[in-house]
Amino acid sequence: MTYDLVVIGDVNPDVVVGPVTGLAFGQREQLVDHGRLVLGGSAAIMACGAARLGLRVAFAGRVGDDAAGVFVRRELAERGVDVSRLTVDPGLPTPLTTILTTADGDRAVLTAPGCLTATGPWDVPADLLAATRHVHAASFFLMPRLAEGLAALFDRARAHGATTSLDTNDDPAARWDHALLDPVLKATDVLLPNAAEALALSGESRVADAALALARYGPTVVVKDGARGAHAQHGDEALRAAAVPVEPLDAVGAGDSFDAGFVAARLRGLDLRASLAMAAACGSLSTRAHGGTAAQPTWDEAWAVTDLKGTR
């Protein structure tokens, strides 16, 4: 195989500012401690994390023919991600996200979707699906055209022997459309929501119940639960992993780094318990610096702090 991983989804600049204690409109200017322009997009951050862990990674998606598109292509390439198949849209701009952070670790995310609305199955070359061991898709609800064709894409990848994973991320419309999602779940090997997303997708009120309900669709369900660690459900088997203690500076992209750790571990042949612990370590370590990619660990760095004893 040419690639270990093909990542499908969103890539954009993130403008991260904070901490914010409140927003004052009326043209009032407010000062914050930090402001950074960094690589963003759940799929892009996951791709960079996987490349940092040693995987051969290609990215499929869409950017605009603009300065923001040049920026994100360069950032991905500098982190070892193959962007030769990244489509350049001739008319629509690259998406742009502003993230407002708070002192207690919460954040508000404002996204101008740009060419995300035009991203579709046609942006994923067929030969990529035949040349990889695993396909990961992210930001499902931000790209409705891609979402409609994702089940067929996953089916084609699996026909070539690849495994698949999905991180739906948030649904800005709060519909969590199962008519759209259910066919994809049936073609998904690993579903990687965070706790809030798992509850919204399942209608349950507890993470463990949400993971069990979603696993009935077929995938292994791995739920990211912040400082509380993570929960995995594979059939009737349930596991929990503790987070790795760190002094967090910025949790932006931590879930995407978690996804990268889990996929990398599975592709190395690790079992569910070890993969869950490795993912928790990658997610935790990524919070040591501002932005989604600056503190992503190497395999050796993450494995050195992986807490297998904390996985039960």
C-alpha atoms as a PDB file:
ATOM      1  CA  MET A   1       0.000   0.000   0.000  1.00  0.00           C
ATOM      2  CA  THR A   2       1.189   3.525  -0.825  1.00  0.00           C
ATOM      3  CA  TYR A   3      -0.394   5.009   2.317  1.00  0.00           C
ATOM      4  CA  ASP A   4      -1.227   3.868   5.810  1.00  0.00           C
ATOM      5  CA  LEU A   5      -3.975   6.458   6.091  1.00  0.00           C
ATOM      6  CA  VAL A   6      -6.122   8.634   3.851  1.00  0.00           C
ATOM      7  CA  VAL A   7      -7.927  11.421   5.689  1.00  0.00           C
ATOM      8  CA  ILE A   8     -11.051  12.987   4.171  1.00  0.00           C
ATOM      9  CA  GLY A   9     -12.537  16.231   5.404  1.00  0.00           C
ATOM     10  CA  ASP A  10     -11.968  19.795   6.481  1.00  0.00           C
ATOM     11  CA  VAL A  11      -8.853  21.947   6.478  1.00  0.00           C
ATOM     12  CA  ASN A  12      -8.736  25.660   7.272  1.00  0.00           C
ATOM     13  CA  PRO A  13      -6.804  28.305   9.166  1.00  0.00           C
ATOM     14  CA  ASP A  14      -7.783  28.655  12.824  1.00  0.00           C
ATOM     15  CA  VAL A  15      -7.560  32.064  14.442  1.00  0.00           C
ATOM     16  CA  VAL A  16      -7.364  31.194  18.139  1.00  0.00           C
ATOM     17  CA  VAL A  17      -7.792  34.037  20.651  1.00  0.00           C
ATOM     18  CA  GLY A  18      -8.309  34.128  24.392  1.00  0.00           C
ATOM     19  CA  PRO A  19      -8.945  33.689  27.149  1.00  0.00           C
ATOM     20  CA  VAL A  20     -12.216  35.556  26.723  1.00  0.00           C
ATOM     21  CA  THR A  21     -14.352  36.404  29.747  1.00  0.00           C
ATOM     22  CA  GLY A  22     -17.247  37.868  27.769  1.00  0.00           C
ATOM     23  CA  LEU A  23     -17.981  39.558  24.476  1.00  0.00           C
ATOM     24  CA  ALA A  24     -18.763  43.273  24.330  1.00  0.00           C
ATOM     25  CA  PHE A  25     -20.471  44.421  21.151  1.00  0.00           C
ATOM     26  CA  GLY A  26     -21.044  48.062  20.185  1.00  0.00           C
ATOM     27  CA  GLN A  27     -17.563  48.303  18.603  1.00  0.00           C
ATOM     28  CA  ARG A  28     -15.829  47.921  21.971  1.00  0.00           C
ATOM     29  CA  GLU A  29     -12.259  46.663  21.709  1.00  0.00           C
ATOM     30  CA  GLN A  30     -11.175  43.942  24.135  1.00  0.00           C
ATOM     31  CA  LEU A  31      -7.666  42.694  24.837  1.00  0.00           C
ATOM     32  CA  VAL A  32      -6.797  39.027  25.306  1.00  0.00           C
ATOM     33  CA  ASP A  33      -3.561  37.308  26.298  1.00  0.00           C
ATOM     34  CA  HIS A  34      -3.085  35.151  23.214  1.00  0.00           C
ATOM     35  CA  GLY A  35      -3.857  35.271  19.511  1.00  0.00           C
ATOM     36  CA  ARG A  36      -2.498  32.797  16.971  1.00  0.00           C
ATOM     37  CA  LEU A  37      -2.966  31.784  13.358  1.00  0.00           C
ATOM     38  CA  VAL A  38      -2.644  27.998  13.182  1.00  0.00           C
ATOM     39  CA  LEU A  39      -3.668  25.053  11.046  1.00  0.00           C
ATOM     40  CA  GLY A  40      -7.226  23.970  11.785  1.00  0.00           C
ATOM     41  CA  GLY A  41      -9.924  21.578  10.706  1.00  0.00           C
ATOM     42  CA  SER A  42     -10.598  18.312  12.503  1.00  0.00           C
ATOM     43  CA  ALA A  43      -9.485  16.205   9.554  1.00  0.00           C
ATOM     44  CA  ALA A  44      -6.312  18.247   9.026  1.00  0.00           C
ATOM     45  CA  ILE A  45      -5.257  18.095  12.675  1.00  0.00           C
ATOM     46  CA  MET A  46      -5.883  14.354  12.745  1.00  0.00           C
ATOM     47  CA  ALA A  47      -3.807  13.899   9.584  1.00  0.00           C
ATOM     48  CA  CYS A  48      -0.900  15.841  11.088  1.00  0.00           C
ATOM     49  CA  GLY A  49      -1.092  13.865  14.318  1.00  0.00           C
ATOM     50  CA  ALA A  50      -1.006  10.588  12.427  1.00  0.00           C
ATOM     51  CA  ALA A  51       1.984  11.700  10.349  1.00  0.00           C
ATOM     52  CA  ARG A  52       3.752  12.756  13.555  1.00  0.00           C
ATOM     53  CA  LEU A  53       3.164   9.224  14.862  1.00  0.00           C
ATOM     54  CA  GLY A  54       4.936   7.791  11.823  1.00  0.00           C
ATOM     55  CA  LEU A  55       2.105   6.952   9.426  1.00  0.00           C
ATOM     56  CA  ARG A  56       2.211   7.616   5.681  1.00  0.00           C
ATOM     57  CA  VAL A  57      -0.720  10.001   5.296  1.00  0.00           C
ATOM     58  CA  ALA A  58      -2.551  11.546   2.331  1.00  0.00           C
ATOM     59  CA  PHE A  59      -5.276  14.191   2.555  1.00  0.00           C
ATOM     60  CA  ALA A  60      -8.393  14.464   0.396  1.00  0.00           C
ATOM     61  CA  GLY A  61     -10.619  17.521   0.569  1.00  0.00           C
ATOM     62  CA  ARG A  62     -11.008  21.001  -0.847  1.00  0.00           C
ATOM     63  CA  VAL A  63      -9.496  24.461  -0.332  1.00  0.00           C
ATOM     64  CA  GLY A  64      -9.965  27.773  -2.085  1.00  0.00           C
ATOM     65  CA  ASP A  65      -7.640  29.373  -4.630  1.00  0.00           C
ATOM     66  CA  ASP A  66      -6.545  31.986  -2.098  1.00  0.00           C
ATOM     67  CA  ALA A  67      -3.905  32.854   0.483  1.00  0.00           C
ATOM     68  CA  ALA A  68      -5.650  30.773   3.149  1.00  0.00           C
ATOM     69  CA  GLY A  69      -5.518  27.760   0.845  1.00  0.00           C
ATOM     70  CA  VAL A  70      -1.802  28.270   0.254  1.00  0.00           C
ATOM     71  CA  PHE A  71      -1.282  28.511   4.017  1.00  0.00           C
ATOM     72  CA  VAL A  72      -3.036  25.258   4.880  1.00  0.00           C
ATOM     73  CA  ARG A  73      -1.444  23.308   2.023  1.00  0.00           C
ATOM     74  CA  ARG A  74       1.987  24.419   3.220  1.00  0.00           C
ATOM     75  CA  GLU A  75       1.213  23.608   6.856  1.00  0.00           C
ATOM     76  CA  LEU A  76       0.016  20.111   6.007  1.00  0.00           C
ATOM     77  CA  ALA A  77       2.987  19.393   3.739  1.00  0.00           C
ATOM     78  CA  GLU A  78       5.493  20.633   6.304  1.00  0.00           C
ATOM     79  CA  ARG A  79       4.061  18.114   8.765  1.00  0.00           C
ATOM     80  CA  GLY A  80       4.524  15.205   6.380  1.00  0.00           C
ATOM     81  CA  VAL A  81       1.025  14.968   4.882  1.00  0.00           C
ATOM     82  CA  ASP A  82       0.719  14.339   1.118  1.00  0.00           C
ATOM     83  CA  VAL A  83      -1.471  17.133  -0.313  1.00  0.00           C
ATOM     84  CA  SER A  84      -1.082  16.231  -3.982  1.00  0.00           C
ATOM     85  CA  ARG A  85      -4.758  15.185  -4.155  1.00  0.00           C
ATOM     86  CA  LEU A  86      -6.141  18.206  -2.277  1.00  0.00           C
ATOM     87  CA  THR A  87      -8.632  19.896  -4.634  1.00  0.00           C
ATOM     88  CA  VAL A  88      -8.377  23.646  -5.237  1.00  0.00           C
ATOM     89  CA  ASP A  89     -11.802  25.229  -5.715  1.00  0.00           C
ATOM     90  CA  PRO A  90     -11.724  27.950  -8.412  1.00  0.00           C
ATOM     91  CA  GLY A  91     -14.595  29.999  -7.015  1.00  0.00           C
ATOM     92  CA  LEU A  92     -15.265  29.396  -3.326  1.00  0.00           C
ATOM     93  CA  PRO A  93     -12.890  30.489  -0.528  1.00  0.00           C
ATOM     94  CA  THR A  94     -11.018  28.333   1.936  1.00  0.00           C
ATOM     95  CA  PRO A  95     -13.009  27.876   5.159  1.00  0.00           C
ATOM     96  CA  LEU A  96     -11.988  30.052   8.091  1.00  0.00           C
ATOM     97  CA  THR A  97     -12.539  29.393  11.798  1.00  0.00           C
ATOM     98  CA  THR A  98     -12.222  31.713  14.783  1.00  0.00           C
ATOM     99  CA  ILE A  99     -11.919  30.013  18.171  1.00  0.00           C
ATOM    100  CA  LEU A 100     -12.584  31.970  21.353  1.00  0.00           C
ATOM    101  CA  THR A 101     -11.112  30.218  24.380  1.00  0.00           C
ATOM    102  CA  THR A 102     -11.920  30.692  28.070  1.00  0.00           C
ATOM    103  CA  ALA A 103      -9.739  30.316  31.139  1.00  0.00           C
ATOM    104  CA  ASP A 104     -11.573  27.148  32.207  1.00  0.00           C
ATOM    105  CA  GLY A 105     -10.865  25.336  28.920  1.00  0.00           C
ATOM    106  CA  ASP A 106     -14.160  25.921  27.140  1.00  0.00           C
ATOM    107  CA  ARG A 107     -14.311  27.483  23.680  1.00  0.00           C
ATOM    108  CA  ALA A 108     -16.684  28.942  21.123  1.00  0.00           C
ATOM    109  CA  VAL A 109     -16.085  28.032  17.479  1.00  0.00           C
ATOM    110  CA  LEU A 110     -17.191  30.317  14.626  1.00  0.00           C
ATOM    111  CA  THR A 111     -16.731  28.899  11.116  1.00  0.00           C
ATOM    112  CA  ALA A 112     -17.288  30.424   7.692  1.00  0.00           C
ATOM    113  CA  PRO A 113     -17.676  27.207   5.631  1.00  0.00           C
ATOM    114  CA  GLY A 114     -16.455  28.493   2.266  1.00  0.00           C
ATOM    115  CA  CYS A 115     -15.790  25.546  -0.036  1.00  0.00           C
ATOM    116  CA  LEU A 116     -16.826  22.963   2.570  1.00  0.00           C
ATOM    117  CA  THR A 117     -20.302  23.158   1.039  1.00  0.00           C
ATOM    118  CA  ALA A 118     -18.878  22.046  -2.317  1.00  0.00           C
ATOM    119  CA  THR A 119     -16.713  19.230  -0.934  1.00  0.00           C
ATOM    120  CA  GLY A 120     -17.991  15.871  -2.101  1.00  0.00           C
ATOM    121  CA  PRO A 121     -17.092  12.294  -3.059  1.00  0.00           C
ATOM    122  CA  TRP A 122     -15.632  13.647  -6.303  1.00  0.00           C
ATOM    123  CA  ASP A 123     -12.778  15.120  -4.222  1.00  0.00           C
ATOM    124  CA  VAL A 124     -11.611  11.636  -3.186  1.00  0.00           C
ATOM    125  CA  PRO A 125      -9.744   9.967  -6.079  1.00  0.00           C
ATOM    126  CA  ALA A 126     -10.660   6.313  -6.511  1.00  0.00           C
ATOM    127  CA  ASP A 127      -7.025   5.233  -6.602  1.00  0.00           C
ATOM    128  CA  LEU A 128      -6.493   6.673  -3.107  1.00  0.00           C
ATOM    129  CA  LEU A 129      -9.109   4.303  -1.700  1.00  0.00           C
ATOM    130  CA  ALA A 130      -7.283   1.403  -3.326  1.00  0.00           C
ATOM    131  CA  ALA A 131      -3.866   2.469  -2.043  1.00  0.00           C
ATOM    132  CA  THR A 132      -4.361   2.805   1.705  1.00  0.00           C
ATOM    133  CA  ARG A 133      -4.741   0.634   4.791  1.00  0.00           C
ATOM    134  CA  HIS A 134      -7.241   2.928   6.508  1.00  0.00           C
ATOM    135  CA  VAL A 135      -9.640   5.780   5.628  1.00  0.00           C
ATOM    136  CA  HIS A 136     -10.691   8.365   8.218  1.00  0.00           C
ATOM    137  CA  ALA A 137     -13.376  11.024   7.711  1.00  0.00           C
ATOM    138  CA  ALA A 138     -14.143  14.005   9.942  1.00  0.00           C
ATOM    139  CA  SER A 139     -16.591  16.914  10.302  1.00  0.00           C
ATOM    140  CA  PHE A 140     -19.418  14.888   8.801  1.00  0.00           C
ATOM    141  CA  PHE A 141     -22.164  17.464   9.312  1.00  0.00           C
ATOM    142  CA  LEU A 142     -20.162  20.364   7.829  1.00  0.00           C
ATOM    143  CA  MET A 143     -20.007  18.744   4.384  1.00  0.00           C
ATOM    144  CA  PRO A 144     -23.485  17.518   3.402  1.00  0.00           C
ATOM    145  CA  ARG A 145     -22.480  16.532  -0.134  1.00  0.00           C
ATOM    146  CA  LEU A 146     -19.621  14.419   1.131  1.00  0.00           C
ATOM    147  CA  ALA A 147     -21.839  12.995   3.875  1.00  0.00           C
ATOM    148  CA  GLU A 148     -24.350  11.771   1.298  1.00  0.00           C
ATOM    149  CA  GLY A 149     -21.664   9.791  -0.515  1.00  0.00           C
ATOM    150  CA  LEU A 150     -19.519   8.697   2.406  1.00  0.00           C
ATOM    151  CA  ALA A 151     -21.128   5.270   2.883  1.00  0.00           C
ATOM    152  CA  ALA A 152     -20.312   4.367  -0.720  1.00  0.00           C
ATOM    153  CA  LEU A 153     -16.749   5.699  -0.318  1.00  0.00           C
ATOM    154  CA  PHE A 154     -16.245   3.618   2.813  1.00  0.00           C
ATOM    155  CA  ASP A 155     -17.696   0.551   1.082  1.00  0.00           C
ATOM    156  CA  ARG A 156     -15.228   0.953  -1.774  1.00  0.00           C
ATOM    157  CA  ALA A 157     -12.321   1.368   0.626  1.00  0.00           C
ATOM    158  CA  ARG A 158     -13.345  -1.740   2.552  1.00  0.00           C
ATOM    159  CA  ALA A 159     -13.658  -3.691  -0.701  1.00  0.00           C
ATOM    160  CA  HIS A 160      -9.965  -2.928  -1.248  1.00  0.00           C
ATOM    161  CA  GLY A 161      -9.156  -4.223   2.254  1.00  0.00           C
ATOM    162  CA  ALA A 162      -8.989  -0.907   4.145  1.00  0.00           C
ATOM    163  CA  THR A 163     -10.567  -0.213   7.512  1.00  0.00           C
ATOM    164  CA  THR A 164     -12.565   2.947   8.191  1.00  0.00           C
ATOM    165  CA  SER A 165     -13.190   5.472  10.957  1.00  0.00           C
ATOM    166  CA  LEU A 166     -15.432   8.492  11.430  1.00  0.00           C
ATOM    167  CA  ASP A 167     -15.381  11.486  13.747  1.00  0.00           C
ATOM    168  CA  THR A 168     -18.679  13.248  13.134  1.00  0.00           C
ATOM    169  CA  ASN A 169     -17.699  16.315  15.194  1.00  0.00           C
ATOM    170  CA  ASP A 170     -20.468  18.755  16.063  1.00  0.00           C
ATOM    171  CA  ASP A 171     -23.651  19.362  14.085  1.00  0.00           C
ATOM    172  CA  PRO A 172     -24.180  23.150  13.904  1.00  0.00           C
ATOM    173  CA  ALA A 173     -27.853  22.561  13.025  1.00  0.00           C
ATOM    174  CA  ALA A 174     -28.264  20.225  16.048  1.00  0.00           C
ATOM    175  CA  ARG A 175     -30.281  17.779  13.913  1.00  0.00           C
ATOM    176  CA  TRP A 176     -27.900  14.799  14.158  1.00  0.00           C
ATOM    177  CA  ASP A 177     -29.621  13.376  11.088  1.00  0.00           C
ATOM    178  CA  HIS A 178     -29.666   9.587  11.391  1.00  0.00           C
ATOM    179  CA  ALA A 179     -31.223   9.166   7.958  1.00  0.00           C
ATOM    180  CA  LEU A 180     -27.948  10.591   6.647  1.00  0.00           C
ATOM    181  CA  LEU A 181     -25.645   8.999   9.220  1.00  0.00           C
ATOM    182  CA  ASP A 182     -26.978   5.448   9.685  1.00  0.00           C
ATOM    183  CA  PRO A 183     -25.818   4.096   6.296  1.00  0.00           C
ATOM    184  CA  VAL A 184     -22.333   5.439   7.041  1.00  0.00           C
ATOM    185  CA  LEU A 185     -22.219   3.823  10.475  1.00  0.00           C
ATOM    186  CA  LYS A 186     -22.863   0.452   8.869  1.00  0.00           C
ATOM    187  CA  ALA A 187     -19.696   0.939   6.786  1.00  0.00           C
ATOM    188  CA  THR A 188     -17.624   2.343   9.668  1.00  0.00           C
ATOM    189  CA  ASP A 189     -15.208   0.230  11.683  1.00  0.00           C
ATOM    190  CA  VAL A 190     -14.499   2.850  14.377  1.00  0.00           C
ATOM    191  CA  LEU A 191     -16.717   5.750  15.468  1.00  0.00           C
ATOM    192  CA  LEU A 192     -14.859   8.466  17.419  1.00  0.00           C
ATOM    193  CA  PRO A 193     -17.242  11.049  18.936  1.00  0.00           C
ATOM    194  CA  ASN A 194     -16.614  13.131  22.018  1.00  0.00           C
ATOM    195  CA  ALA A 195     -18.926  12.718  24.993  1.00  0.00           C
ATOM    196  CA  ALA A 196     -21.348  15.497  24.031  1.00  0.00           C
ATOM    197  CA  GLU A 197     -21.567  14.202  20.468  1.00  0.00           C
ATOM    198  CA  ALA A 198     -22.114  10.616  21.617  1.00  0.00           C
ATOM    199  CA  LEU A 199     -24.996  11.703  23.843  1.00  0.00           C
ATOM    200  CA  ALA A 200     -26.553  13.756  21.038  1.00  0.00           C
ATOM    201  CA  LEU A 201     -26.149  10.977  18.480  1.00  0.00           C
ATOM    202  CA  SER A 202     -27.620   8.302  20.747  1.00  0.00           C
ATOM    203  CA  GLY A 203     -30.225  10.202  22.748  1.00  0.00           C
ATOM    204  CA  GLU A 204     -28.802   8.671  25.927  1.00  0.00           C
ATOM    205  CA  SER A 205     -27.834  10.569  29.080  1.00  0.00           C
ATOM    206  CA  ARG A 206     -24.747   8.556  30.094  1.00  0.00           C
ATOM    207  CA  VAL A 207     -21.575   8.032  28.075  1.00  0.00           C
ATOM    208  CA  ALA A 208     -21.471   4.283  28.661  1.00  0.00           C
ATOM    209  CA  ASP A 209     -25.086   3.891  27.509  1.00  0.00           C
ATOM    210  CA  ALA A 210     -24.413   6.110  24.487  1.00  0.00           C
ATOM    211  CA  ALA A 211     -21.414   4.036  23.438  1.00  0.00           C
ATOM    212  CA  LEU A 212     -23.410   0.813  23.783  1.00  0.00           C
ATOM    213  CA  ALA A 213     -26.321   2.200  21.771  1.00  0.00           C
ATOM    214  CA  LEU A 214     -24.072   3.449  18.957  1.00  0.00           C
ATOM    215  CA  ALA A 215     -22.105   0.182  18.877  1.00  0.00           C
ATOM    216  CA  ARG A 216     -25.311  -1.620  17.925  1.00  0.00           C
ATOM    217  CA  TYR A 217     -24.973  -0.019  14.475  1.00  0.00           C
ATOM    218  CA  GLY A 218     -21.799  -2.046  13.977  1.00  0.00           C
ATOM    219  CA  PRO A 219     -18.693   0.051  14.681  1.00  0.00           C
ATOM    220  CA  THR A 220     -16.362  -0.049  17.622  1.00  0.00           C
ATOM    221  CA  VAL A 221     -17.285   3.145  19.478  1.00  0.00           C
ATOM    222  CA  VAL A 222     -14.551   5.173  21.167  1.00  0.00           C
ATOM    223  CA  VAL A 223     -15.791   8.173  23.136  1.00  0.00           C
ATOM    224  CA  LYS A 224     -13.460  11.020  24.131  1.00  0.00           C
ATOM    225  CA  ASP A 225     -14.352  12.400  27.547  1.00  0.00           C
ATOM    226  CA  GLY A 226     -11.782  15.130  28.213  1.00  0.00           C
ATOM    227  CA  ALA A 227     -10.035  14.982  31.584  1.00  0.00           C
ATOM    228  CA  ARG A 228     -12.189  11.962  32.454  1.00  0.00           C
ATOM    229  CA  GLY A 229     -10.365   9.905  29.832  1.00  0.00           C
ATOM    230  CA  ALA A 230     -12.115   7.768  27.252  1.00  0.00           C
ATOM    231  CA  HIS A 231     -14.617   4.939  26.892  1.00  0.00           C
ATOM    232  CA  ALA A 232     -14.578   2.175  24.260  1.00  0.00           C
ATOM    233  CA  GLN A 233     -17.344  -0.233  23.345  1.00  0.00           C
ATOM    234  CA  HIS A 234     -16.718  -3.197  21.043  1.00  0.00           C
ATOM    235  CA  GLY A 235     -19.725  -5.489  20.941  1.00  0.00           C
ATOM    236  CA  ASP A 236     -20.312  -6.450  24.567  1.00  0.00           C
ATOM    237  CA  GLU A 237     -16.783  -5.442  25.630  1.00  0.00           C
ATOM    238  CA  ALA A 238     -16.466  -2.084  27.417  1.00  0.00           C
ATOM    239  CA  LEU A 239     -13.213  -0.414  28.454  1.00  0.00           C
ATOM    240  CA  ARG A 240     -12.216   2.879  30.045  1.00  0.00           C
ATOM    241  CA  ALA A 241      -8.859   4.662  29.902  1.00  0.00           C
ATOM    242  CA  ALA A 242      -7.613   7.465  32.104  1.00  0.00           C
ATOM    243  CA  ALA A 243      -6.289  10.710  30.680  1.00  0.00           C
ATOM    244  CA  VAL A 244      -2.574  11.382  31.066  1.00  0.00           C
ATOM    245  CA  PRO A 245      -1.973  14.149  33.632  1.00  0.00           C
ATOM    246  CA  VAL A 246      -0.565  17.271  31.967  1.00  0.00           C
ATOM    247  CA  GLU A 247      -0.667  21.029  32.503  1.00  0.00           C
ATOM    248  CA  PRO A 248      -2.941  21.992  29.599  1.00  0.00           C
ATOM    249  CA  LEU A 249      -2.454  25.238  27.686  1.00  0.00           C
ATOM    250  CA  ASP A 250      -4.966  24.685  24.902  1.00  0.00           C
ATOM    251  CA  ALA A 251      -7.390  21.809  24.253  1.00  0.00           C
ATOM    252  CA  VAL A 252      -8.065  22.802  20.628  1.00  0.00           C
ATOM    253  CA  GLY A 253      -7.613  19.708  18.467  1.00  0.00           C
ATOM    254  CA  ALA A 254      -7.044  17.328  21.385  1.00  0.00           C
ATOM    255  CA  GLY A 255      -9.816  15.050  20.174  1.00  0.00           C
ATOM    256  CA  ASP A 256      -8.289  14.923  16.699  1.00  0.00           C
ATOM    257  CA  SER A 257      -4.900  13.974  18.150  1.00  0.00           C
ATOM    258  CA  PHE A 258      -6.716  11.303  20.152  1.00  0.00           C
ATOM    259  CA  ASP A 259      -8.197   9.966  16.892  1.00  0.00           C
ATOM    260  CA  ALA A 260      -4.728   9.854  15.335  1.00  0.00           C
ATOM    261  CA  GLY A 261      -3.357   7.921  18.304  1.00  0.00           C
ATOM    262  CA  PHE A 262      -6.139   5.358  18.196  1.00  0.00           C
ATOM    263  CA  VAL A 263      -5.877   4.758  14.450  1.00  0.00           C
ATOM    264  CA  ALA A 264      -2.069   4.583  14.561  1.00  0.00           C
ATOM    265  CA  ALA A 265      -2.193   2.059  17.382  1.00  0.00           C
ATOM    266  CA  ARG A 266      -4.700  -0.157  15.607  1.00  0.00           C
ATOM    267  CA  LEU A 267      -2.655  -0.047  12.406  1.00  0.00           C
ATOM    268  CA  ARG A 268       0.358  -1.194  14.445  1.00  0.00           C
ATOM    269  CA  GLY A 269      -1.660  -4.187  15.576  1.00  0.00           C
ATOM    270  CA  LEU A 270      -2.314  -3.110  19.169  1.00  0.00           C
ATOM    271  CA  ASP A 271      -5.413  -4.481  20.870  1.00  0.00           C
ATOM    272  CA  LEU A 272      -8.342  -2.329  21.955  1.00  0.00           C
ATOM    273  CA  ARG A 273      -7.041  -1.783  25.474  1.00  0.00           C
ATOM    274  CA  ALA A 274      -3.601  -0.603  24.388  1.00  0.00           C
ATOM    275  CA  SER A 275      -5.025   1.459  21.510  1.00  0.00           C
ATOM    276  CA  LEU A 276      -7.413   3.259  23.861  1.00  0.00           C
ATOM    277  CA  ALA A 277      -4.590   4.071  26.280  1.00  0.00           C
ATOM    278  CA  MET A 278      -2.366   5.281  23.434  1.00  0.00           C
ATOM    279  CA  ALA A 279      -5.140   7.501  22.109  1.00  0.00           C
ATOM    280  CA  ALA A 280      -5.705   9.010  25.551  1.00  0.00           C
ATOM    281  CA  ALA A 281      -1.992   9.770  25.812  1.00  0.00           C
ATOM    282  CA  CYS A 282      -1.920  11.467  22.392  1.00  0.00           C
ATOM    283  CA  GLY A 283      -4.954  13.572  23.191  1.00  0.00           C
ATOM    284  CA  SER A 284      -3.589  14.646  26.564  1.00  0.00           C
ATOM    285  CA  LEU A 285      -0.091  15.494  25.311  1.00  0.00           C
ATOM    286  CA  SER A 286      -1.455  17.621  22.475  1.00  0.00           C
ATOM    287  CA  THR A 287      -2.797  20.158  25.005  1.00  0.00           C
ATOM    288  CA  ARG A 288       0.710  21.209  26.105  1.00  0.00           C
ATOM    289  CA  ALA A 289       0.898  24.053  23.537  1.00  0.00           C
ATOM    290  CA  HIS A 290      -1.456  26.440  21.781  1.00  0.00           C
ATOM    291  CA  GLY A 291      -3.101  25.276  18.570  1.00  0.00           C
ATOM    292  CA  GLY A 292      -3.984  21.796  17.419  1.00  0.00           C
ATOM    293  CA  THR A 293      -0.644  20.579  16.045  1.00  0.00           C
ATOM    294  CA  ALA A 294       2.203  22.253  17.969  1.00  0.00           C
ATOM    295  CA  ALA A 295       2.421  19.663  20.768  1.00  0.00           C
ATOM    296  CA  GLN A 296       1.357  16.515  18.950  1.00  0.00           C
ATOM    297  CA  PRO A 297       3.617  13.708  20.198  1.00  0.00           C
ATOM    298  CA  THR A 298       5.786  11.231  18.352  1.00  0.00           C
ATOM    299  CA  TRP A 299       5.013   7.549  18.851  1.00  0.00           C
ATOM    300  CA  ASP A 300       7.841   7.124  21.367  1.00  0.00           C
ATOM    301  CA  GLU A 301       6.786  10.212  23.354  1.00  0.00           C
ATOM    302  CA  ALA A 302       3.202   9.019  23.640  1.00  0.00           C
ATOM    303  CA  TRP A 303       4.024   5.392  24.298  1.00  0.00           C
ATOM    304  CA  ALA A 304       6.363   6.401  27.128  1.00  0.00           C
ATOM    305  CA  VAL A 305       3.448   7.910  29.104  1.00  0.00           C
ATOM    306  CA  THR A 306       0.717   5.472  28.022  1.00  0.00           C
ATOM    307  CA  ASP A 307      -1.088   4.294  31.140  1.00  0.00           C
ATOM    308  CA  LEU A 308      -2.092   0.699  30.483  1.00  0.00           C
ATOM    309  CA  LYS A 309      -2.733   0.233  34.204  1.00  0.00           C
ATOM    310  CA  GLY A 310      -5.311   3.019  33.971  1.00  0.00           C
ATOM    311  CA  THR A 311      -7.245   1.141  31.305  1.00  0.00           C
ATOM    312  CA  ARG A 312      -9.875  -1.179  32.703  1.00  0.00           C
END
